[in-house]
Amino acid sequence: MAEQSGCCGGSDVEASDRACRQLMSEGLGVMFCLAGLGAGIEPMIDQARAARNVVIDGCPMDCARKVFEALGVDDVHFVRVTDIGLAKKAKGVRATDEEVRTIVENVRRVLAG
């Protein structure tokens, strides 16, 4: 089963968080705490190193990717939301169901590949 981390912070691309939660509810992985990884919490880092990871970054800043790279976690596939046609939102604008579906479909392709 894949572990998934999704950007849902200041990027205003909350669709990635919703996509992670949907994939998890479908049994296609579990989410774990990106902040815990960045904070260096060893049990979380060990879990990430042992997993097949799909990381969903909300923007070109690639914060999640950088956390995984800094920790030396190797088995990681990255999906950057802005590379698959979704744009950052203005403050307070919510993601659409179609945007969430786009991310979910991309992650499914990554998991199948």
Protein backbone atom coordinates (compact mmCIF):
# COMPACT_ATOMS: atom_id res chain seq x y z
CA MET A 1 0.00 0.00 0.00
CA ALA A 2 1.29 3.45 -0.83
CA GLU A 3 1.85 6.18 1.69
CA GLN A 4 0.68 9.60 0.57
CA SER A 5 1.53 13.11 1.62
CA GLY A 6 -0.30 16.03 0.14
CA CYS A 7 0.25 19.74 0.29
CA CYS A 8 -2.67 21.50 1.90
CA GLY A 9 -0.98 24.51 3.42
CA GLY A 10 -0.24 27.99 2.15
CA SER A 11 -0.28 26.94 -1.50
CA ASP A 12 -4.07 27.28 -1.63
CA VAL A 13 -4.23 24.03 -3.57
CA GLU A 14 -6.33 22.15 -1.04
CA ALA A 15 -7.36 19.79 -3.81
CA SER A 16 -4.22 17.75 -3.09
CA ASP A 17 -5.31 17.14 0.48
CA ARG A 18 -8.80 16.15 -0.66
CA ALA A 19 -7.31 13.82 -3.28
CA CYS A 20 -5.12 12.10 -0.66
CA ARG A 21 -8.10 11.60 1.60
CA GLN A 22 -10.19 10.17 -1.26
CA LEU A 23 -7.43 7.76 -2.29
CA MET A 24 -7.05 6.67 1.32
CA SER A 25 -10.81 6.07 1.65
CA GLU A 26 -10.61 3.88 -1.48
CA GLY A 27 -7.90 1.77 0.14
CA LEU A 28 -5.14 3.05 -2.15
CA GLY A 29 -2.86 4.14 0.65
CA VAL A 30 -2.63 5.95 3.92
CA MET A 31 -1.68 9.52 4.66
CA PHE A 32 1.02 10.53 7.04
CA CYS A 33 2.27 13.75 8.52
CA LEU A 34 4.61 15.75 6.32
CA ALA A 35 5.29 18.15 9.19
CA GLY A 36 6.39 15.20 11.34
CA LEU A 37 8.87 14.18 8.66
CA GLY A 38 10.20 17.71 8.41
CA ALA A 39 10.51 17.82 12.20
CA GLY A 40 12.71 14.72 12.10
CA ILE A 41 10.42 12.39 14.05
CA GLU A 42 12.24 9.09 13.59
CA PRO A 43 9.29 6.64 13.65
CA MET A 44 7.62 8.67 10.89
CA ILE A 45 10.85 8.81 8.89
CA ASP A 46 11.28 5.04 9.27
CA GLN A 47 7.71 4.56 8.03
CA ALA A 48 8.40 6.73 4.97
CA ARG A 49 11.62 4.88 4.20
CA ALA A 50 9.80 1.54 4.34
CA ALA A 51 6.91 2.63 2.12
CA ARG A 52 6.21 3.20 -1.53
CA ASN A 53 5.43 6.91 -1.42
CA VAL A 54 3.38 9.22 -3.58
CA VAL A 55 3.93 12.86 -2.73
CA ILE A 56 1.52 15.48 -4.02
CA ASP A 57 3.00 18.97 -4.09
CA GLY A 58 0.60 21.86 -4.44
CA CYS A 59 2.92 24.23 -6.27
CA PRO A 60 6.37 24.59 -7.85
CA MET A 61 7.98 25.32 -4.49
CA ASP A 62 8.08 21.51 -4.04
CA CYS A 63 8.11 21.64 -0.24
CA ALA A 64 7.06 18.01 0.15
CA ARG A 65 9.62 16.80 -2.40
CA LYS A 66 12.36 18.72 -0.58
CA VAL A 67 11.43 17.14 2.75
CA PHE A 68 11.66 13.64 1.26
CA GLU A 69 14.93 14.42 -0.52
CA ALA A 70 16.46 15.92 2.63
CA LEU A 71 15.61 12.73 4.51
CA GLY A 72 17.06 10.52 1.79
CA VAL A 73 13.76 8.71 1.23
CA ASP A 74 14.22 6.93 -2.10
CA ASP A 75 10.98 5.16 -3.03
CA VAL A 76 9.01 8.29 -3.89
CA HIS A 77 6.86 9.30 -6.84
CA PHE A 78 6.00 12.97 -7.14
CA VAL A 79 2.91 14.67 -8.52
CA ARG A 80 3.01 18.46 -8.75
CA VAL A 81 -0.53 19.79 -8.98
CA THR A 82 0.41 22.83 -11.05
CA ASP A 83 2.08 20.55 -13.64
CA ILE A 84 -1.17 18.73 -14.35
CA GLY A 85 -3.12 21.85 -15.23
CA LEU A 86 -4.34 23.07 -11.86
CA ALA A 87 -3.57 26.59 -10.73
CA LYS A 88 -3.05 28.05 -7.32
CA LYS A 89 -6.20 29.63 -5.98
CA ALA A 90 -6.88 33.06 -4.61
CA LYS A 91 -7.29 33.10 -0.84
CA GLY A 92 -10.61 31.57 0.17
CA VAL A 93 -11.37 29.93 -3.19
CA ARG A 94 -12.10 26.23 -2.76
CA ALA A 95 -11.00 23.41 -5.03
CA THR A 96 -13.60 21.90 -7.34
CA ASP A 97 -14.53 18.24 -7.44
CA GLU A 98 -13.09 18.11 -10.99
CA GLU A 99 -9.72 19.33 -9.72
CA VAL A 100 -9.71 16.64 -7.06
CA ARG A 101 -10.60 14.02 -9.70
CA THR A 102 -7.71 15.20 -11.89
CA ILE A 103 -5.23 14.67 -9.06
CA VAL A 104 -6.73 11.31 -8.09
CA GLU A 105 -6.51 10.08 -11.70
CA ASN A 106 -2.86 11.17 -11.93
CA VAL A 107 -1.96 9.42 -8.68
CA ARG A 108 -3.76 6.26 -9.83
CA ARG A 109 -1.61 6.30 -12.99
CA VAL A 110 1.52 6.67 -10.84
CA LEU A 111 0.45 3.76 -8.63
CA ALA A 112 -0.35 1.58 -11.67
CA GLY A 113 2.93 2.44 -13.43
